[in-house]
Amino acid sequence: MNTIDQIDSIITSALSDLESVHDADGLEQYRIKYLGTKGAVKNLTTLLAQVPREHKPALGQKINTAKAQVTAAFEARKVVLGSQVSATGPLEDVTLPGAQPQLGNRHILMKVADELTDLFARMGFTVAQGPELEDEFHNFIALNIPPSHPARDPLDNFYITSGVDHQGQQPAQEQQLLLRTQTSTVQIRVMQSQKPPIRVVIPGRVYRPDTHDDTHLSQFHQLEALVVDQNVTMVDLKSTVLQFVKAYFGAQTQVRFRPSFFPFTEPSAECDVWFPEKQQWIELGGCGMVHPNVLQACGIDPQVYTGWAFGFGIERIAMRKYGINNIRLFVENDVRFLRQF
């Protein structure tokens, strides 16, 4: 068989075999057999060594035509099968549905915080913020919490400074730094920088070395509200809290106020909301009339102005709103939980 016949035979065989290819694996095997590095069509150039020099141009043209013919047939077959095949991988079916990408979203606590600030914005409140690392003046002293108060115990706070300077001397109490234990610190900063009337809501993180359980964490979020103006009374506080609870949780939500004590409010109360899922009252937070000493520490005359404030746990609000029975779920980063919101 001369070289021309050999080329024709390989072309005929290649085109015939291509008709019997019906899947990606078969097409890849065909490519290797005929068009691969050691494939039958790829190696046709070896025939040039078998003919005289004067016949080489014609034979080379014949080989190039054969390669182009088989390659074109191969590419056409790929289109018929519905996809492209790379030199290193199998055929992909582009008609199959694509994989849905995993999209992230905002954490449920951030969503709840936004819902709460939006609700209070409709009630005429503006949003205020302050630093999470505080000094003792804003965290305790201005809030009428004396040095002897148990709330200032080092075991009940995350102090950042040791309380002793580089010369071994005890610095002034207000120079010690700690992670804020309540967003009431921002109340002080607002009253120091703004004259009444004041009507602000303050969302933020707070830190306390509490024992972790179903309703307590050592880092959690609070929503603080403060109103200072002339003729502000406890009735204004209670009506605002009731309006908030009914608007956010529903008109049938049960709320109760219990007498309590806080150094920075007088009189003071605890606000509880009934949790149907747990069949018990859960404390949202404390509230009360701003203590005259707090107003005076911020340069506001308590003979002219009065005010009220509350501090509610955002985690507790989210738990009541969405029927969540364990506060630790918010920080465990389990996507099965987070995807629900």
C-alpha atoms as a PDB file:
ATOM      1  CA  MET A   1       0.000   0.000   0.000  1.00  0.00           C
ATOM      2  CA  ASN A   2       1.492   3.343  -1.060  1.00  0.00           C
ATOM      3  CA  THR A   3       1.515   6.403   1.173  1.00  0.00           C
ATOM      4  CA  ILE A   4      -1.552   8.008  -0.447  1.00  0.00           C
ATOM      5  CA  ASP A   5      -3.566   4.858   0.163  1.00  0.00           C
ATOM      6  CA  GLN A   6      -2.381   4.755   3.784  1.00  0.00           C
ATOM      7  CA  ILE A   7      -3.579   8.335   4.318  1.00  0.00           C
ATOM      8  CA  ASP A   8      -6.933   7.625   2.703  1.00  0.00           C
ATOM      9  CA  SER A   9      -7.341   4.494   4.832  1.00  0.00           C
ATOM     10  CA  ILE A  10      -6.650   6.388   8.069  1.00  0.00           C
ATOM     11  CA  ILE A  11      -9.066   9.158   7.105  1.00  0.00           C
ATOM     12  CA  THR A  12     -11.795   6.640   6.264  1.00  0.00           C
ATOM     13  CA  SER A  13     -11.230   4.785   9.518  1.00  0.00           C
ATOM     14  CA  ALA A  14     -11.212   8.024  11.548  1.00  0.00           C
ATOM     15  CA  LEU A  15     -14.441   9.318  10.038  1.00  0.00           C
ATOM     16  CA  SER A  16     -16.119   5.935  10.452  1.00  0.00           C
ATOM     17  CA  ASP A  17     -15.094   5.616  14.106  1.00  0.00           C
ATOM     18  CA  LEU A  18     -16.294   9.155  14.817  1.00  0.00           C
ATOM     19  CA  GLU A  19     -19.837   8.228  13.788  1.00  0.00           C
ATOM     20  CA  SER A  20     -19.940   5.609  16.556  1.00  0.00           C
ATOM     21  CA  VAL A  21     -18.995   8.075  19.310  1.00  0.00           C
ATOM     22  CA  HIS A  22     -22.031   8.967  21.439  1.00  0.00           C
ATOM     23  CA  ASP A  23     -20.718  10.255  24.765  1.00  0.00           C
ATOM     24  CA  ALA A  24     -18.006  12.352  26.343  1.00  0.00           C
ATOM     25  CA  ASP A  25     -15.780   9.439  27.316  1.00  0.00           C
ATOM     26  CA  GLY A  26     -15.907   8.001  23.815  1.00  0.00           C
ATOM     27  CA  LEU A  27     -15.113  11.389  22.272  1.00  0.00           C
ATOM     28  CA  GLU A  28     -12.078  11.791  24.521  1.00  0.00           C
ATOM     29  CA  GLN A  29     -10.826   8.313  23.639  1.00  0.00           C
ATOM     30  CA  TYR A  30     -11.292   9.140  19.952  1.00  0.00           C
ATOM     31  CA  ARG A  31      -9.274  12.347  20.345  1.00  0.00           C
ATOM     32  CA  ILE A  32      -6.422  10.433  21.943  1.00  0.00           C
ATOM     33  CA  LYS A  33      -6.476   7.710  19.259  1.00  0.00           C
ATOM     34  CA  TYR A  34      -6.468   9.992  16.220  1.00  0.00           C
ATOM     35  CA  LEU A  35      -5.585  13.574  17.221  1.00  0.00           C
ATOM     36  CA  GLY A  36      -3.476  13.052  20.331  1.00  0.00           C
ATOM     37  CA  THR A  37       0.317  13.424  20.437  1.00  0.00           C
ATOM     38  CA  LYS A  38       0.740   9.821  19.332  1.00  0.00           C
ATOM     39  CA  GLY A  39      -2.510   9.618  17.390  1.00  0.00           C
ATOM     40  CA  ALA A  40      -2.840   8.064  13.948  1.00  0.00           C
ATOM     41  CA  VAL A  41      -3.633  11.359  12.175  1.00  0.00           C
ATOM     42  CA  LYS A  42      -1.002  13.277  14.149  1.00  0.00           C
ATOM     43  CA  ASN A  43       1.683  10.754  13.059  1.00  0.00           C
ATOM     44  CA  LEU A  44       0.941  10.952   9.325  1.00  0.00           C
ATOM     45  CA  THR A  45       3.959  13.231   8.987  1.00  0.00           C
ATOM     46  CA  THR A  46       6.184  10.169   9.480  1.00  0.00           C
ATOM     47  CA  LEU A  47       5.164   9.076   5.969  1.00  0.00           C
ATOM     48  CA  LEU A  48       7.167  11.930   4.496  1.00  0.00           C
ATOM     49  CA  ALA A  49      10.342   9.971   5.169  1.00  0.00           C
ATOM     50  CA  GLN A  50       9.139   7.176   2.833  1.00  0.00           C
ATOM     51  CA  VAL A  51       8.863   9.218  -0.401  1.00  0.00           C
ATOM     52  CA  PRO A  52      11.421  10.874  -2.677  1.00  0.00           C
ATOM     53  CA  ARG A  53      12.182  14.533  -2.158  1.00  0.00           C
ATOM     54  CA  GLU A  54      10.280  15.712  -5.181  1.00  0.00           C
ATOM     55  CA  HIS A  55       7.072  14.046  -3.899  1.00  0.00           C
ATOM     56  CA  LYS A  56       7.244  15.511  -0.397  1.00  0.00           C
ATOM     57  CA  PRO A  57       5.355  18.812  -1.113  1.00  0.00           C
ATOM     58  CA  ALA A  58       2.357  17.007  -2.601  1.00  0.00           C
ATOM     59  CA  LEU A  59       2.338  14.455   0.216  1.00  0.00           C
ATOM     60  CA  GLY A  60       2.641  17.173   2.871  1.00  0.00           C
ATOM     61  CA  GLN A  61      -0.355  18.979   1.386  1.00  0.00           C
ATOM     62  CA  LYS A  62      -2.306  15.705   1.415  1.00  0.00           C
ATOM     63  CA  ILE A  63      -1.432  15.138   5.084  1.00  0.00           C
ATOM     64  CA  ASN A  64      -2.462  18.676   6.063  1.00  0.00           C
ATOM     65  CA  THR A  65      -5.776  18.228   4.255  1.00  0.00           C
ATOM     66  CA  ALA A  66      -6.350  14.943   6.084  1.00  0.00           C
ATOM     67  CA  LYS A  67      -5.619  16.503   9.481  1.00  0.00           C
ATOM     68  CA  ALA A  68      -7.951  19.424   8.771  1.00  0.00           C
ATOM     69  CA  GLN A  69     -10.721  17.092   7.616  1.00  0.00           C
ATOM     70  CA  VAL A  70     -10.570  14.853  10.711  1.00  0.00           C
ATOM     71  CA  THR A  71     -10.205  17.824  13.088  1.00  0.00           C
ATOM     72  CA  ALA A  72     -13.235  19.561  11.549  1.00  0.00           C
ATOM     73  CA  ALA A  73     -15.288  16.395  11.864  1.00  0.00           C
ATOM     74  CA  PHE A  74     -14.196  16.032  15.507  1.00  0.00           C
ATOM     75  CA  GLU A  75     -15.214  19.634  16.346  1.00  0.00           C
ATOM     76  CA  ALA A  76     -18.557  19.163  14.620  1.00  0.00           C
ATOM     77  CA  ARG A  77     -19.163  16.008  16.645  1.00  0.00           C
ATOM     78  CA  LYS A  78     -18.509  17.935  19.862  1.00  0.00           C
ATOM     79  CA  VAL A  79     -21.221  20.419  18.913  1.00  0.00           C
ATOM     80  CA  VAL A  80     -23.627  17.578  18.149  1.00  0.00           C
ATOM     81  CA  LEU A  81     -23.015  16.092  21.575  1.00  0.00           C
ATOM     82  CA  GLY A  82     -23.894  19.445  23.132  1.00  0.00           C
ATOM     83  CA  SER A  83     -20.668  20.567  24.809  1.00  0.00           C
ATOM     84  CA  GLN A  84     -17.000  21.173  24.439  1.00  0.00           C
ATOM     85  CA  VAL A  85     -14.388  18.719  25.562  1.00  0.00           C
ATOM     86  CA  SER A  86     -11.044  19.935  26.778  1.00  0.00           C
ATOM     87  CA  ALA A  87      -7.874  18.052  26.130  1.00  0.00           C
ATOM     88  CA  THR A  88      -7.756  16.976  29.778  1.00  0.00           C
ATOM     89  CA  GLY A  89     -11.359  16.542  30.876  1.00  0.00           C
ATOM     90  CA  PRO A  90     -14.632  14.814  30.021  1.00  0.00           C
ATOM     91  CA  LEU A  91     -17.581  16.304  28.194  1.00  0.00           C
ATOM     92  CA  GLU A  92     -19.754  18.689  30.261  1.00  0.00           C
ATOM     93  CA  ASP A  93     -23.523  18.793  29.753  1.00  0.00           C
ATOM     94  CA  VAL A  94     -24.282  22.521  29.638  1.00  0.00           C
ATOM     95  CA  THR A  95     -28.026  21.842  29.683  1.00  0.00           C
ATOM     96  CA  LEU A  96     -27.884  20.750  33.333  1.00  0.00           C
ATOM     97  CA  PRO A  97     -28.925  23.356  35.960  1.00  0.00           C
ATOM     98  CA  GLY A  98     -26.008  25.295  37.427  1.00  0.00           C
ATOM     99  CA  ALA A  99     -24.938  24.930  41.045  1.00  0.00           C
ATOM    100  CA  GLN A 100     -26.541  27.548  43.273  1.00  0.00           C
ATOM    101  CA  PRO A 101     -23.825  29.676  44.941  1.00  0.00           C
ATOM    102  CA  GLN A 102     -23.932  29.950  48.725  1.00  0.00           C
ATOM    103  CA  LEU A 103     -24.936  33.545  49.414  1.00  0.00           C
ATOM    104  CA  GLY A 104     -24.288  35.132  52.790  1.00  0.00           C
ATOM    105  CA  ASN A 105     -26.535  37.586  54.598  1.00  0.00           C
ATOM    106  CA  ARG A 106     -26.505  39.824  57.655  1.00  0.00           C
ATOM    107  CA  HIS A 107     -26.503  38.196  61.071  1.00  0.00           C
ATOM    108  CA  ILE A 108     -29.898  37.928  62.735  1.00  0.00           C
ATOM    109  CA  LEU A 109     -28.770  40.202  65.603  1.00  0.00           C
ATOM    110  CA  MET A 110     -27.785  42.943  63.154  1.00  0.00           C
ATOM    111  CA  LYS A 111     -31.148  42.615  61.428  1.00  0.00           C
ATOM    112  CA  VAL A 112     -33.010  42.875  64.728  1.00  0.00           C
ATOM    113  CA  ALA A 113     -30.928  45.905  65.758  1.00  0.00           C
ATOM    114  CA  ASP A 114     -31.860  47.616  62.483  1.00  0.00           C
ATOM    115  CA  GLU A 115     -35.536  46.747  62.960  1.00  0.00           C
ATOM    116  CA  LEU A 116     -35.464  48.238  66.459  1.00  0.00           C
ATOM    117  CA  THR A 117     -33.727  51.463  65.485  1.00  0.00           C
ATOM    118  CA  ASP A 118     -36.114  51.871  62.550  1.00  0.00           C
ATOM    119  CA  LEU A 119     -39.076  51.399  64.892  1.00  0.00           C
ATOM    120  CA  PHE A 120     -37.786  53.994  67.359  1.00  0.00           C
ATOM    121  CA  ALA A 121     -36.918  56.359  64.521  1.00  0.00           C
ATOM    122  CA  ARG A 122     -40.627  56.409  63.697  1.00  0.00           C
ATOM    123  CA  MET A 123     -41.204  57.395  67.344  1.00  0.00           C
ATOM    124  CA  GLY A 124     -38.879  60.387  67.020  1.00  0.00           C
ATOM    125  CA  PHE A 125     -35.621  58.908  68.329  1.00  0.00           C
ATOM    126  CA  THR A 126     -32.208  59.457  66.755  1.00  0.00           C
ATOM    127  CA  VAL A 127     -29.380  56.892  66.935  1.00  0.00           C
ATOM    128  CA  ALA A 128     -26.291  57.523  69.096  1.00  0.00           C
ATOM    129  CA  GLN A 129     -23.107  55.474  69.432  1.00  0.00           C
ATOM    130  CA  GLY A 130     -20.036  55.451  71.635  1.00  0.00           C
ATOM    131  CA  PRO A 131     -16.785  53.550  72.324  1.00  0.00           C
ATOM    132  CA  GLU A 132     -16.792  49.998  73.669  1.00  0.00           C
ATOM    133  CA  LEU A 133     -13.582  50.651  75.628  1.00  0.00           C
ATOM    134  CA  GLU A 134     -14.557  53.026  78.416  1.00  0.00           C
ATOM    135  CA  ASP A 135     -13.107  54.748  81.475  1.00  0.00           C
ATOM    136  CA  GLU A 136     -14.615  54.372  84.914  1.00  0.00           C
ATOM    137  CA  PHE A 137     -16.057  57.871  84.872  1.00  0.00           C
ATOM    138  CA  HIS A 138     -18.472  57.107  82.038  1.00  0.00           C
ATOM    139  CA  ASN A 139     -19.078  53.482  83.045  1.00  0.00           C
ATOM    140  CA  PHE A 140     -19.543  54.031  86.799  1.00  0.00           C
ATOM    141  CA  ILE A 141     -18.920  57.429  88.363  1.00  0.00           C
ATOM    142  CA  ALA A 142     -21.248  59.527  86.190  1.00  0.00           C
ATOM    143  CA  LEU A 143     -23.888  56.793  86.529  1.00  0.00           C
ATOM    144  CA  ASN A 144     -23.977  57.257  90.306  1.00  0.00           C
ATOM    145  CA  ILE A 145     -22.160  53.986  91.018  1.00  0.00           C
ATOM    146  CA  PRO A 146     -19.780  54.600  93.960  1.00  0.00           C
ATOM    147  CA  PRO A 147     -16.377  52.882  94.394  1.00  0.00           C
ATOM    148  CA  SER A 148     -17.812  50.593  97.083  1.00  0.00           C
ATOM    149  CA  HIS A 149     -20.587  49.290  94.810  1.00  0.00           C
ATOM    150  CA  PRO A 150     -20.255  45.555  93.978  1.00  0.00           C
ATOM    151  CA  ALA A 151     -20.824  46.340  90.291  1.00  0.00           C
ATOM    152  CA  ARG A 152     -17.262  47.734  90.211  1.00  0.00           C
ATOM    153  CA  ASP A 153     -15.672  44.533  91.484  1.00  0.00           C
ATOM    154  CA  PRO A 154     -12.826  43.389  89.164  1.00  0.00           C
ATOM    155  CA  LEU A 155     -14.427  39.941  89.054  1.00  0.00           C
ATOM    156  CA  ASP A 156     -17.594  41.450  87.551  1.00  0.00           C
ATOM    157  CA  ASN A 157     -15.885  43.498  84.822  1.00  0.00           C
ATOM    158  CA  PHE A 158     -13.372  43.131  82.015  1.00  0.00           C
ATOM    159  CA  TYR A 159     -10.744  45.664  83.086  1.00  0.00           C
ATOM    160  CA  ILE A 160      -8.105  46.400  80.457  1.00  0.00           C
ATOM    161  CA  THR A 161      -5.681  48.316  82.687  1.00  0.00           C
ATOM    162  CA  SER A 162      -4.308  46.822  85.895  1.00  0.00           C
ATOM    163  CA  GLY A 163      -5.010  49.856  88.066  1.00  0.00           C
ATOM    164  CA  VAL A 164      -1.287  50.358  88.782  1.00  0.00           C
ATOM    165  CA  ASP A 165       0.978  52.646  86.703  1.00  0.00           C
ATOM    166  CA  HIS A 166       4.600  51.972  85.685  1.00  0.00           C
ATOM    167  CA  GLN A 167       5.847  53.524  88.943  1.00  0.00           C
ATOM    168  CA  GLY A 168       3.713  51.199  91.041  1.00  0.00           C
ATOM    169  CA  GLN A 169       1.275  53.937  92.018  1.00  0.00           C
ATOM    170  CA  GLN A 170      -2.484  53.556  92.068  1.00  0.00           C
ATOM    171  CA  PRO A 171      -3.863  55.972  89.421  1.00  0.00           C
ATOM    172  CA  ALA A 172      -7.092  57.907  89.716  1.00  0.00           C
ATOM    173  CA  GLN A 173     -10.158  55.665  89.453  1.00  0.00           C
ATOM    174  CA  GLU A 174     -11.433  57.343  86.285  1.00  0.00           C
ATOM    175  CA  GLN A 175      -8.174  56.526  84.491  1.00  0.00           C
ATOM    176  CA  GLN A 176      -8.771  52.780  84.586  1.00  0.00           C
ATOM    177  CA  LEU A 177     -10.145  51.332  81.352  1.00  0.00           C
ATOM    178  CA  LEU A 178     -12.602  48.491  80.908  1.00  0.00           C
ATOM    179  CA  LEU A 179     -14.931  47.026  78.318  1.00  0.00           C
ATOM    180  CA  ARG A 180     -18.230  48.783  78.866  1.00  0.00           C
ATOM    181  CA  THR A 181     -20.758  46.823  80.888  1.00  0.00           C
ATOM    182  CA  GLN A 182     -23.750  48.765  79.570  1.00  0.00           C
ATOM    183  CA  THR A 183     -24.649  51.155  76.782  1.00  0.00           C
ATOM    184  CA  SER A 184     -25.604  53.691  79.475  1.00  0.00           C
ATOM    185  CA  THR A 185     -22.074  55.032  78.970  1.00  0.00           C
ATOM    186  CA  VAL A 186     -23.296  56.547  75.707  1.00  0.00           C
ATOM    187  CA  GLN A 187     -26.127  58.255  77.594  1.00  0.00           C
ATOM    188  CA  ILE A 188     -23.498  60.119  79.605  1.00  0.00           C
ATOM    189  CA  ARG A 189     -21.612  61.164  76.485  1.00  0.00           C
ATOM    190  CA  VAL A 190     -24.820  62.361  74.817  1.00  0.00           C
ATOM    191  CA  MET A 191     -25.883  64.401  77.856  1.00  0.00           C
ATOM    192  CA  GLN A 192     -22.394  65.907  78.112  1.00  0.00           C
ATOM    193  CA  SER A 193     -22.405  67.056  74.503  1.00  0.00           C
ATOM    194  CA  GLN A 194     -26.068  67.861  73.879  1.00  0.00           C
ATOM    195  CA  LYS A 195     -28.519  70.083  75.705  1.00  0.00           C
ATOM    196  CA  PRO A 196     -32.119  68.943  76.303  1.00  0.00           C
ATOM    197  CA  PRO A 197     -34.445  68.044  74.772  1.00  0.00           C
ATOM    198  CA  ILE A 198     -32.726  64.685  74.186  1.00  0.00           C
ATOM    199  CA  ARG A 199     -34.368  61.677  72.569  1.00  0.00           C
ATOM    200  CA  VAL A 200     -31.892  58.998  71.497  1.00  0.00           C
ATOM    201  CA  VAL A 201     -31.711  55.231  71.086  1.00  0.00           C
ATOM    202  CA  ILE A 202     -28.355  53.452  71.477  1.00  0.00           C
ATOM    203  CA  PRO A 203     -27.630  49.946  70.103  1.00  0.00           C
ATOM    204  CA  GLY A 204     -24.276  48.331  70.892  1.00  0.00           C
ATOM    205  CA  ARG A 205     -22.163  45.515  72.354  1.00  0.00           C
ATOM    206  CA  VAL A 206     -21.538  45.225  76.081  1.00  0.00           C
ATOM    207  CA  TYR A 207     -19.367  42.877  78.126  1.00  0.00           C
ATOM    208  CA  ARG A 208     -19.865  41.163  81.486  1.00  0.00           C
ATOM    209  CA  PRO A 209     -18.150  38.012  82.845  1.00  0.00           C
ATOM    210  CA  ASP A 210     -21.447  36.165  83.261  1.00  0.00           C
ATOM    211  CA  THR A 211     -21.745  32.387  83.389  1.00  0.00           C
ATOM    212  CA  HIS A 212     -23.024  31.180  80.019  1.00  0.00           C
ATOM    213  CA  ASP A 213     -26.436  29.540  80.008  1.00  0.00           C
ATOM    214  CA  ASP A 214     -29.625  29.609  77.917  1.00  0.00           C
ATOM    215  CA  THR A 215     -30.162  33.346  78.507  1.00  0.00           C
ATOM    216  CA  HIS A 216     -26.712  34.747  79.413  1.00  0.00           C
ATOM    217  CA  LEU A 217     -23.454  35.414  77.544  1.00  0.00           C
ATOM    218  CA  SER A 218     -20.327  37.338  78.507  1.00  0.00           C
ATOM    219  CA  GLN A 219     -20.699  39.461  75.365  1.00  0.00           C
ATOM    220  CA  PHE A 220     -24.136  40.550  74.264  1.00  0.00           C
ATOM    221  CA  HIS A 221     -25.993  43.475  72.714  1.00  0.00           C
ATOM    222  CA  GLN A 222     -28.141  46.134  74.323  1.00  0.00           C
ATOM    223  CA  LEU A 223     -30.618  48.668  73.049  1.00  0.00           C
ATOM    224  CA  GLU A 224     -30.593  51.737  75.254  1.00  0.00           C
ATOM    225  CA  ALA A 225     -33.050  54.621  75.059  1.00  0.00           C
ATOM    226  CA  LEU A 226     -32.841  58.024  76.739  1.00  0.00           C
ATOM    227  CA  VAL A 227     -35.299  60.910  76.928  1.00  0.00           C
ATOM    228  CA  VAL A 228     -34.484  64.136  78.793  1.00  0.00           C
ATOM    229  CA  ASP A 229     -36.813  67.123  78.750  1.00  0.00           C
ATOM    230  CA  GLN A 230     -39.028  69.191  80.977  1.00  0.00           C
ATOM    231  CA  ASN A 231     -41.964  67.457  82.659  1.00  0.00           C
ATOM    232  CA  VAL A 232     -40.920  63.921  81.667  1.00  0.00           C
ATOM    233  CA  THR A 233     -42.535  61.314  83.934  1.00  0.00           C
ATOM    234  CA  MET A 234     -42.668  57.569  84.564  1.00  0.00           C
ATOM    235  CA  VAL A 235     -45.905  57.514  82.589  1.00  0.00           C
ATOM    236  CA  ASP A 236     -43.966  58.568  79.474  1.00  0.00           C
ATOM    237  CA  LEU A 237     -41.502  55.734  80.034  1.00  0.00           C
ATOM    238  CA  LYS A 238     -44.143  53.065  80.520  1.00  0.00           C
ATOM    239  CA  SER A 239     -46.245  54.199  77.559  1.00  0.00           C
ATOM    240  CA  THR A 240     -43.195  54.224  75.266  1.00  0.00           C
ATOM    241  CA  VAL A 241     -42.096  50.730  76.357  1.00  0.00           C
ATOM    242  CA  LEU A 242     -45.603  49.352  75.928  1.00  0.00           C
ATOM    243  CA  GLN A 243     -45.902  50.969  72.507  1.00  0.00           C
ATOM    244  CA  PHE A 244     -42.566  49.437  71.473  1.00  0.00           C
ATOM    245  CA  VAL A 245     -43.397  45.936  72.764  1.00  0.00           C
ATOM    246  CA  LYS A 246     -46.850  45.873  71.166  1.00  0.00           C
ATOM    247  CA  ALA A 247     -45.521  47.201  67.850  1.00  0.00           C
ATOM    248  CA  TYR A 248     -42.615  44.760  67.663  1.00  0.00           C
ATOM    249  CA  PHE A 249     -43.990  41.560  69.202  1.00  0.00           C
ATOM    250  CA  GLY A 250     -47.686  41.979  68.494  1.00  0.00           C
ATOM    251  CA  ALA A 251     -50.689  43.554  70.147  1.00  0.00           C
ATOM    252  CA  GLN A 252     -51.392  40.453  72.292  1.00  0.00           C
ATOM    253  CA  THR A 253     -47.926  40.393  73.900  1.00  0.00           C
ATOM    254  CA  GLN A 254     -47.976  40.277  77.696  1.00  0.00           C
ATOM    255  CA  VAL A 255     -45.701  42.763  79.490  1.00  0.00           C
ATOM    256  CA  ARG A 256     -45.079  43.396  83.143  1.00  0.00           C
ATOM    257  CA  PHE A 257     -43.049  45.892  85.170  1.00  0.00           C
ATOM    258  CA  ARG A 258     -41.458  44.890  88.482  1.00  0.00           C
ATOM    259  CA  PRO A 259     -40.015  47.345  91.019  1.00  0.00           C
ATOM    260  CA  SER A 260     -36.242  47.174  91.092  1.00  0.00           C
ATOM    261  CA  PHE A 261     -33.154  49.188  91.983  1.00  0.00           C
ATOM    262  CA  PHE A 262     -30.409  50.714  89.823  1.00  0.00           C
ATOM    263  CA  PRO A 263     -27.999  53.405  91.023  1.00  0.00           C
ATOM    264  CA  PHE A 264     -28.580  55.504  87.904  1.00  0.00           C
ATOM    265  CA  THR A 265     -32.409  55.510  87.925  1.00  0.00           C
ATOM    266  CA  GLU A 266     -34.969  56.366  90.604  1.00  0.00           C
ATOM    267  CA  PRO A 267     -37.580  54.947  90.632  1.00  0.00           C
ATOM    268  CA  SER A 268     -36.457  51.811  88.778  1.00  0.00           C
ATOM    269  CA  ALA A 269     -38.203  48.798  87.275  1.00  0.00           C
ATOM    270  CA  GLU A 270     -37.527  45.557  85.433  1.00  0.00           C
ATOM    271  CA  CYS A 271     -39.483  44.902  82.244  1.00  0.00           C
ATOM    272  CA  ASP A 272     -40.470  41.295  81.508  1.00  0.00           C
ATOM    273  CA  VAL A 273     -42.152  39.778  78.459  1.00  0.00           C
ATOM    274  CA  TRP A 274     -44.007  36.466  78.443  1.00  0.00           C
ATOM    275  CA  PHE A 275     -42.310  33.763  76.323  1.00  0.00           C
ATOM    276  CA  PRO A 276     -45.006  31.312  75.140  1.00  0.00           C
ATOM    277  CA  GLU A 277     -42.375  28.812  73.943  1.00  0.00           C
ATOM    278  CA  LYS A 278     -40.771  28.598  77.378  1.00  0.00           C
ATOM    279  CA  GLN A 279     -43.999  29.279  79.295  1.00  0.00           C
ATOM    280  CA  GLN A 280     -42.274  31.817  81.510  1.00  0.00           C
ATOM    281  CA  TRP A 281     -41.502  35.501  81.933  1.00  0.00           C
ATOM    282  CA  ILE A 282     -38.112  36.558  80.518  1.00  0.00           C
ATOM    283  CA  GLU A 283     -36.474  39.819  81.531  1.00  0.00           C
ATOM    284  CA  LEU A 284     -35.860  42.228  78.649  1.00  0.00           C
ATOM    285  CA  GLY A 285     -33.968  44.719  80.790  1.00  0.00           C
ATOM    286  CA  GLY A 286     -34.151  47.525  83.301  1.00  0.00           C
ATOM    287  CA  CYS A 287     -35.714  50.967  83.105  1.00  0.00           C
ATOM    288  CA  GLY A 288     -36.521  53.967  85.247  1.00  0.00           C
ATOM    289  CA  MET A 289     -36.313  57.711  85.707  1.00  0.00           C
ATOM    290  CA  VAL A 290     -32.814  59.148  85.298  1.00  0.00           C
ATOM    291  CA  HIS A 291     -31.329  59.783  88.745  1.00  0.00           C
ATOM    292  CA  PRO A 292     -30.825  63.501  89.541  1.00  0.00           C
ATOM    293  CA  ASN A 293     -27.151  62.786  90.369  1.00  0.00           C
ATOM    294  CA  VAL A 294     -26.633  61.480  86.822  1.00  0.00           C
ATOM    295  CA  LEU A 295     -28.160  64.611  85.299  1.00  0.00           C
ATOM    296  CA  GLN A 296     -26.041  66.790  87.556  1.00  0.00           C
ATOM    297  CA  ALA A 297     -22.834  64.892  86.635  1.00  0.00           C
ATOM    298  CA  CYS A 298     -23.550  65.715  82.977  1.00  0.00           C
ATOM    299  CA  GLY A 299     -24.197  69.429  83.604  1.00  0.00           C
ATOM    300  CA  ILE A 300     -28.001  69.230  83.334  1.00  0.00           C
ATOM    301  CA  ASP A 301     -30.060  70.935  86.032  1.00  0.00           C
ATOM    302  CA  PRO A 302     -32.299  68.270  87.678  1.00  0.00           C
ATOM    303  CA  GLN A 303     -34.548  71.045  89.023  1.00  0.00           C
ATOM    304  CA  VAL A 304     -35.480  71.938  85.451  1.00  0.00           C
ATOM    305  CA  TYR A 305     -35.204  68.678  83.534  1.00  0.00           C
ATOM    306  CA  THR A 306     -36.178  65.077  84.148  1.00  0.00           C
ATOM    307  CA  GLY A 307     -35.606  62.006  82.039  1.00  0.00           C
ATOM    308  CA  TRP A 308     -36.173  58.306  81.643  1.00  0.00           C
ATOM    309  CA  ALA A 309     -34.047  55.510  80.241  1.00  0.00           C
ATOM    310  CA  PHE A 310     -34.162  51.808  79.562  1.00  0.00           C
ATOM    311  CA  GLY A 311     -31.634  49.173  78.533  1.00  0.00           C
ATOM    312  CA  PHE A 312     -32.971  46.011  76.860  1.00  0.00           C
ATOM    313  CA  GLY A 313     -31.058  42.973  75.626  1.00  0.00           C
ATOM    314  CA  ILE A 314     -31.211  42.658  71.838  1.00  0.00           C
ATOM    315  CA  GLU A 315     -30.600  38.899  72.081  1.00  0.00           C
ATOM    316  CA  ARG A 316     -33.587  38.582  74.430  1.00  0.00           C
ATOM    317  CA  ILE A 317     -35.732  40.595  72.032  1.00  0.00           C
ATOM    318  CA  ALA A 318     -34.660  38.396  69.094  1.00  0.00           C
ATOM    319  CA  MET A 319     -35.351  35.245  71.126  1.00  0.00           C
ATOM    320  CA  ARG A 320     -38.871  36.406  71.924  1.00  0.00           C
ATOM    321  CA  LYS A 321     -39.534  37.590  68.375  1.00  0.00           C
ATOM    322  CA  TYR A 322     -38.349  34.423  66.597  1.00  0.00           C
ATOM    323  CA  GLY A 323     -38.982  31.731  69.231  1.00  0.00           C
ATOM    324  CA  ILE A 324     -35.286  31.002  69.910  1.00  0.00           C
ATOM    325  CA  ASN A 325     -34.771  29.074  73.145  1.00  0.00           C
ATOM    326  CA  ASN A 326     -30.992  29.337  73.608  1.00  0.00           C
ATOM    327  CA  ILE A 327     -28.954  32.548  73.424  1.00  0.00           C
ATOM    328  CA  ARG A 328     -25.786  30.586  72.581  1.00  0.00           C
ATOM    329  CA  LEU A 329     -27.148  29.844  69.108  1.00  0.00           C
ATOM    330  CA  PHE A 330     -26.359  33.440  68.120  1.00  0.00           C
ATOM    331  CA  VAL A 331     -22.590  32.909  68.515  1.00  0.00           C
ATOM    332  CA  GLU A 332     -22.092  29.263  67.511  1.00  0.00           C
ATOM    333  CA  ASN A 333     -21.979  30.136  63.772  1.00  0.00           C
ATOM    334  CA  ASP A 334     -24.029  27.095  62.796  1.00  0.00           C
ATOM    335  CA  VAL A 335     -25.176  27.852  59.242  1.00  0.00           C
ATOM    336  CA  ARG A 336     -28.226  25.639  59.720  1.00  0.00           C
ATOM    337  CA  PHE A 337     -29.413  28.117  62.345  1.00  0.00           C
ATOM    338  CA  LEU A 338     -28.275  31.283  60.557  1.00  0.00           C
ATOM    339  CA  ARG A 339     -29.935  30.310  57.246  1.00  0.00           C
ATOM    340  CA  GLN A 340     -33.339  30.489  58.908  1.00  0.00           C
ATOM    341  CA  PHE A 341     -33.131  34.259  59.041  1.00  0.00           C
END
